[in-house]
Structures are given as C-alpha cells and as structure tokens.
Amino acid sequence: HAFLILLSVWVLTVLITPRLAVMLAGRAVDVPSVDEVASQKSRFSAQLWHEDRKRMAAFKPESAGSDPQNMMQQFNRFMQQITDERDAKMQEFTGRLNEERENRRRVQQQFALWLARLSPAATFSLAATTLAGTSLSLEHQYQDAATAYQKSFAQFTKEKTGMVAGGRMVMMRSVVEGGKKPEPINPHDMPEFTYQPATLAGVLGPSVPDLGLLALFNIVFFLGAYLGFMRYDVR
C-alpha cells in the first residue's frame, strides 16, 4: 500500500503537476501569437503608407523655379520628413505591441512556474537551473541586451547611411554638401554587442525562494513520516 501510494504521489508531482501548470497558465493568461502581432503591424504600416501617399500627391515645391536639382532637393527633404514621421509612428506602435506581448508572456510564464512549484521535483529543477545560470531568466536578460544593441545599431546605421533598419530610405545621400560622396563606413566604428552574464550574487538571490521551499518540503515530509511512525500500531 505504501509503495502504491508513493508511486501515485510521484506520478502526480513529477509528471502531471508541471504539465498541468503550463496548461492552466495558458488558459489563465492570454498571450497574442506572433502572427497576430505581425498582422497588426502590417495593417498599421499599410495605413501609414496610405496616408503618406496622399501627402506625396499633394506635394508642391516651395518655389516655382525651373531648376530640377533644387526641386529634387526639396522633394528629398519632404520625403525625409514624412519617412521620419512614419518610422517614429511605426517604431512606437511596434514597441508598444512587442512590450505588451512580452509582458503578458512573462506573466504567463511566472504563473506557470509558481503553479509548478507545487511539485518538489520542479522546485529542485528551478533552483538548480537558477544556481547554474541557465534558468529562464537567461532568455530575458539576453533579449533585453539584444534589444538595447538593436537600438544603438539602428541609430548608428541611420547616422552613417541615412537608412534605418528594414531598408526604408530616410534620405538620398549619393552626394553630400560640397558635392562629395559620403565616406565609407569603417567596420571598427560599428557598435559592439556585449553580453554580461549573471554574477554569483545575481543567481543566489532568485534561488533563495526555491531553496526555502525545498527546505519546507523536507520539513513537512519528515514531520509527516515521523508522525506516521509514531502513531503506527504494530499490533
């Protein structure tokens, strides 16, 4: 009887509880899919392009001169202005969608992990991965570092080439002031991506709750076994 009971408890806590926690978290916290977010971005981008086409159709040079180069420069400045505005709106909209989805995904993940901590085996796995520096927070840290690098690289690209990430032309820079061609980009000037791994102090703090929960499990199970032995009647 003891063996069958313990086997049932092991199956429940090791196999069923972690998977059930993921299913319950998926039902409790709704996270939009990547396709849904991409569809919203595509619709918003099409809307911005439709508005910009109307502005381009209504473009008129500031002076009615016949100099085609002057008219081209005015048109380039006009295109740069509307492109900057469109990029700013698109980046703000995209950043808001990505941030909202990422926040909901992290809430769902944390909810699933806390439910999974009802299993001592899951709690031990979380504590071990946290101490080893391979927990799920590693993904969040790397993603934050990659996002920060992406912004710095986009700013560098825009300053050097007049283009932003995605290939959208900000301004035509085949020539610059004085009729000179833009200088080629020095690869050594490009921003470097550096990732700082978690320190020992950074992994000890998050692992304390799981270690404390493991200690609590041991105390509760030991007391349960002790009381069971003390109340058992050998007759």
Protein backbone atom coordinates (compact mmCIF):
# COMPACT_ATOMS: atom_id res chain seq x y z
CA HIS A 1 0.00 0.00 0.00
CA ALA A 2 2.79 2.42 0.89
CA PHE A 3 4.55 1.69 -2.38
CA LEU A 4 1.41 2.27 -4.45
CA ILE A 5 0.59 5.49 -2.59
CA LEU A 6 4.12 6.85 -3.04
CA LEU A 7 4.12 5.86 -6.72
CA SER A 8 0.85 7.74 -7.22
CA VAL A 9 2.26 10.79 -5.42
CA TRP A 10 5.43 10.64 -7.55
CA VAL A 11 3.45 10.48 -10.81
CA LEU A 12 1.23 13.35 -9.67
CA THR A 13 4.03 15.67 -8.57
CA VAL A 14 6.71 14.84 -11.15
CA LEU A 15 4.75 14.14 -14.33
CA ILE A 16 1.30 15.69 -14.01
CA THR A 17 1.73 18.86 -11.93
CA PRO A 18 4.32 20.64 -14.15
CA ARG A 19 2.36 19.95 -17.33
CA LEU A 20 -0.90 20.90 -15.68
CA ALA A 21 0.67 24.18 -14.52
CA VAL A 22 1.60 25.08 -18.10
CA MET A 23 -1.92 24.27 -19.33
CA LEU A 24 -3.60 26.28 -16.58
CA ALA A 25 -1.31 29.26 -17.14
CA GLY A 26 -2.05 29.15 -20.87
CA ARG A 27 -5.76 29.27 -20.11
CA ALA A 28 -5.49 31.96 -17.44
CA VAL A 29 -3.24 34.45 -19.29
CA ASP A 30 -3.94 35.10 -22.96
CA VAL A 31 -0.81 35.89 -24.99
CA PRO A 32 -1.26 37.01 -28.62
CA SER A 33 0.62 34.90 -31.14
CA VAL A 34 3.46 36.19 -33.28
CA ASP A 35 1.21 36.04 -36.34
CA GLU A 36 -1.43 38.19 -34.66
CA VAL A 37 1.14 40.82 -33.71
CA ALA A 38 2.64 40.75 -37.22
CA SER A 39 -0.83 41.19 -38.71
CA GLN A 40 -1.48 44.26 -36.56
CA LYS A 41 1.88 45.73 -37.59
CA SER A 42 1.15 45.07 -41.26
CA ARG A 43 -2.26 46.76 -41.08
CA PHE A 44 -0.84 49.79 -39.30
CA SER A 45 2.03 50.05 -41.79
CA ALA A 46 -0.42 49.92 -44.73
CA GLN A 47 -2.48 52.65 -43.09
CA LEU A 48 0.61 54.87 -42.71
CA TRP A 49 1.61 54.29 -46.33
CA HIS A 50 -1.89 55.21 -47.49
CA GLU A 51 -1.70 58.47 -45.55
CA ASP A 52 1.79 59.26 -46.89
CA ARG A 53 0.73 58.65 -50.49
CA LYS A 54 -1.90 61.33 -50.12
CA ARG A 55 0.71 63.74 -48.76
CA MET A 56 3.12 62.92 -51.60
CA ALA A 57 0.38 63.50 -54.18
CA ALA A 58 -0.26 66.93 -52.68
CA PHE A 59 3.42 67.91 -52.62
CA LYS A 60 4.29 71.26 -54.16
CA PRO A 61 7.76 72.86 -54.33
CA GLU A 62 8.32 75.90 -52.15
CA SER A 63 9.50 77.94 -55.13
CA ALA A 64 8.20 77.60 -58.66
CA GLY A 65 11.69 77.67 -60.13
CA SER A 66 12.68 75.55 -63.07
CA ASP A 67 15.87 74.20 -61.50
CA PRO A 68 15.34 70.40 -61.36
CA GLN A 69 18.14 69.92 -58.84
CA ASN A 70 16.54 72.39 -56.42
CA MET A 71 13.18 70.69 -56.83
CA MET A 72 14.79 67.31 -56.20
CA GLN A 73 16.41 68.57 -53.02
CA GLN A 74 13.08 69.93 -51.80
CA PHE A 75 11.44 66.61 -52.62
CA ASN A 76 14.18 64.72 -50.80
CA ARG A 77 13.71 66.88 -47.70
CA PHE A 78 9.98 66.35 -47.90
CA MET A 79 10.43 62.56 -48.26
CA GLN A 80 12.88 62.52 -45.37
CA GLN A 81 10.39 64.36 -43.16
CA ILE A 82 7.44 62.07 -43.87
CA THR A 83 9.66 58.98 -43.62
CA ASP A 84 10.98 60.08 -40.24
CA GLU A 85 7.43 60.66 -39.04
CA ARG A 86 6.28 57.31 -40.38
CA ASP A 87 9.23 55.49 -38.84
CA ALA A 88 8.64 57.18 -35.50
CA LYS A 89 4.97 56.17 -35.51
CA MET A 90 5.79 52.64 -36.63
CA GLN A 91 8.52 52.19 -34.05
CA GLU A 92 6.27 53.47 -31.29
CA PHE A 93 3.42 51.18 -32.37
CA THR A 94 5.73 48.18 -32.81
CA GLY A 95 7.45 48.79 -29.49
CA ARG A 96 4.11 49.02 -27.71
CA LEU A 97 2.85 45.77 -29.27
CA ASN A 98 6.08 43.90 -28.56
CA GLU A 99 6.25 45.18 -25.00
CA GLU A 100 2.64 44.25 -24.31
CA ARG A 101 3.09 40.75 -25.73
CA GLU A 102 6.36 40.22 -23.86
CA ASN A 103 4.85 41.40 -20.58
CA ARG A 104 1.88 39.05 -20.96
CA ARG A 105 4.19 36.20 -21.90
CA ARG A 106 6.32 36.78 -18.80
CA VAL A 107 3.24 36.95 -16.59
CA GLN A 108 2.04 33.66 -18.09
CA GLN A 109 5.47 32.12 -17.56
CA GLN A 110 5.73 33.26 -13.95
CA PHE A 111 2.22 31.99 -13.22
CA ALA A 112 3.10 28.59 -14.69
CA LEU A 113 6.31 28.41 -12.66
CA TRP A 114 4.59 29.24 -9.39
CA LEU A 115 1.97 26.57 -10.04
CA ALA A 116 4.71 24.09 -10.96
CA ARG A 117 6.43 24.77 -7.62
CA LEU A 118 3.76 22.62 -6.02
CA SER A 119 5.95 19.80 -7.29
CA PRO A 120 9.19 19.31 -5.29
CA ALA A 121 10.87 17.96 -8.43
CA ALA A 122 10.01 21.13 -10.38
CA THR A 123 11.16 23.28 -7.47
CA PHE A 124 14.50 21.48 -7.38
CA SER A 125 14.92 21.89 -11.15
CA LEU A 126 14.20 25.62 -10.92
CA ALA A 127 16.65 26.07 -8.05
CA ALA A 128 19.37 24.08 -9.85
CA THR A 129 19.00 25.96 -13.15
CA THR A 130 18.99 29.30 -11.34
CA LEU A 131 22.22 28.49 -9.49
CA ALA A 132 23.79 27.19 -12.72
CA GLY A 133 22.86 30.39 -14.56
CA THR A 134 20.73 28.55 -17.13
CA SER A 135 17.25 29.46 -15.90
CA LEU A 136 14.51 31.06 -17.98
CA SER A 137 15.66 34.48 -16.79
CA LEU A 138 18.71 34.00 -19.02
CA GLU A 139 16.43 34.40 -22.04
CA HIS A 140 15.02 37.65 -20.66
CA GLN A 141 18.46 39.06 -19.93
CA TYR A 142 19.75 38.21 -23.39
CA GLN A 143 16.62 39.61 -25.04
CA ASP A 144 16.94 42.90 -23.16
CA ALA A 145 20.61 43.17 -24.14
CA ALA A 146 19.81 42.36 -27.78
CA THR A 147 17.03 44.97 -27.85
CA ALA A 148 19.36 47.64 -26.47
CA TYR A 149 22.00 46.72 -29.07
CA GLN A 150 19.43 46.81 -31.86
CA LYS A 151 18.52 50.39 -30.97
CA SER A 152 22.16 51.50 -30.87
CA PHE A 153 22.92 49.76 -34.18
CA ALA A 154 19.86 51.32 -35.84
CA GLN A 155 20.98 54.76 -34.67
CA PHE A 156 24.49 54.13 -35.99
CA THR A 157 23.13 52.95 -39.36
CA LYS A 158 20.88 55.97 -39.68
CA GLU A 159 23.71 58.39 -38.93
CA LYS A 160 26.14 56.74 -41.36
CA THR A 161 23.93 55.74 -44.30
CA GLY A 162 20.69 57.64 -43.91
CA MET A 163 18.80 54.36 -43.70
CA VAL A 164 17.06 52.69 -40.81
CA ALA A 165 16.59 49.03 -40.02
CA GLY A 166 14.34 47.37 -42.55
CA GLY A 167 15.80 49.08 -45.60
CA ARG A 168 13.49 52.14 -45.67
CA MET A 169 15.25 55.11 -47.21
CA VAL A 170 15.39 58.14 -44.99
CA MET A 171 17.17 60.46 -47.42
CA MET A 172 19.13 60.22 -50.64
CA ARG A 173 22.79 60.56 -49.77
CA SER A 174 24.53 59.85 -53.03
CA VAL A 175 26.17 63.26 -52.55
CA VAL A 176 26.62 65.48 -49.54
CA GLU A 177 27.44 69.13 -49.03
CA GLY A 178 30.10 70.34 -51.46
CA GLY A 179 29.30 67.59 -53.99
CA LYS A 180 31.39 64.98 -52.17
CA LYS A 181 30.37 61.37 -51.84
CA PRO A 182 29.75 60.05 -48.32
CA GLU A 183 32.73 58.39 -46.73
CA PRO A 184 32.66 54.59 -46.49
CA ILE A 185 31.77 53.08 -43.12
CA ASN A 186 34.66 51.87 -41.03
CA PRO A 187 33.69 48.44 -39.61
CA HIS A 188 35.65 49.24 -36.44
CA ASP A 189 33.25 52.13 -35.74
CA MET A 190 30.24 49.81 -35.58
CA PRO A 191 28.81 49.29 -32.07
CA GLU A 192 29.86 46.04 -30.45
CA PHE A 193 27.38 43.66 -28.89
CA THR A 194 28.45 42.70 -25.39
CA TYR A 195 26.51 40.41 -23.10
CA GLN A 196 27.19 40.44 -19.38
CA PRO A 197 26.49 37.02 -17.83
CA ALA A 198 24.82 36.81 -14.45
CA THR A 199 27.10 37.14 -11.43
CA LEU A 200 27.13 34.86 -8.40
CA ALA A 201 25.20 37.41 -6.37
CA GLY A 202 22.71 37.72 -9.20
CA VAL A 203 21.87 34.00 -9.16
CA LEU A 204 21.89 33.48 -5.40
CA GLY A 205 19.09 35.96 -4.76
CA PRO A 206 16.50 34.46 -7.15
CA SER A 207 17.31 30.93 -5.96
CA VAL A 208 16.54 31.66 -2.29
CA PRO A 209 12.73 31.19 -2.59
CA ASP A 210 13.15 27.81 -4.29
CA LEU A 211 15.75 26.66 -1.76
CA GLY A 212 13.49 27.77 1.07
CA LEU A 213 10.55 25.94 -0.49
CA LEU A 214 12.66 22.79 -0.79
CA ALA A 215 13.59 23.08 2.90
CA LEU A 216 9.90 23.48 3.75
CA PHE A 217 9.02 20.39 1.72
CA ASN A 218 11.65 18.39 3.58
CA ILE A 219 10.41 19.57 6.98
CA VAL A 220 6.77 18.83 6.16
CA PHE A 221 7.51 15.39 4.70
CA PHE A 222 9.80 14.49 7.60
CA LEU A 223 7.18 15.52 10.14
CA GLY A 224 4.55 13.55 8.25
CA ALA A 225 6.72 10.44 8.22
CA TYR A 226 7.66 10.89 11.88
CA LEU A 227 4.04 11.23 12.99
CA GLY A 228 3.09 8.27 10.83
CA PHE A 229 5.69 6.07 12.52
CA MET A 230 4.77 7.30 15.99
CA ARG A 231 1.04 6.60 15.51
CA TYR A 232 1.52 3.26 13.82
CA ASP A 233 0.32 0.33 15.88
CA VAL A 234 2.41 -2.77 15.19
CA ARG A 235 -0.32 -4.98 16.67
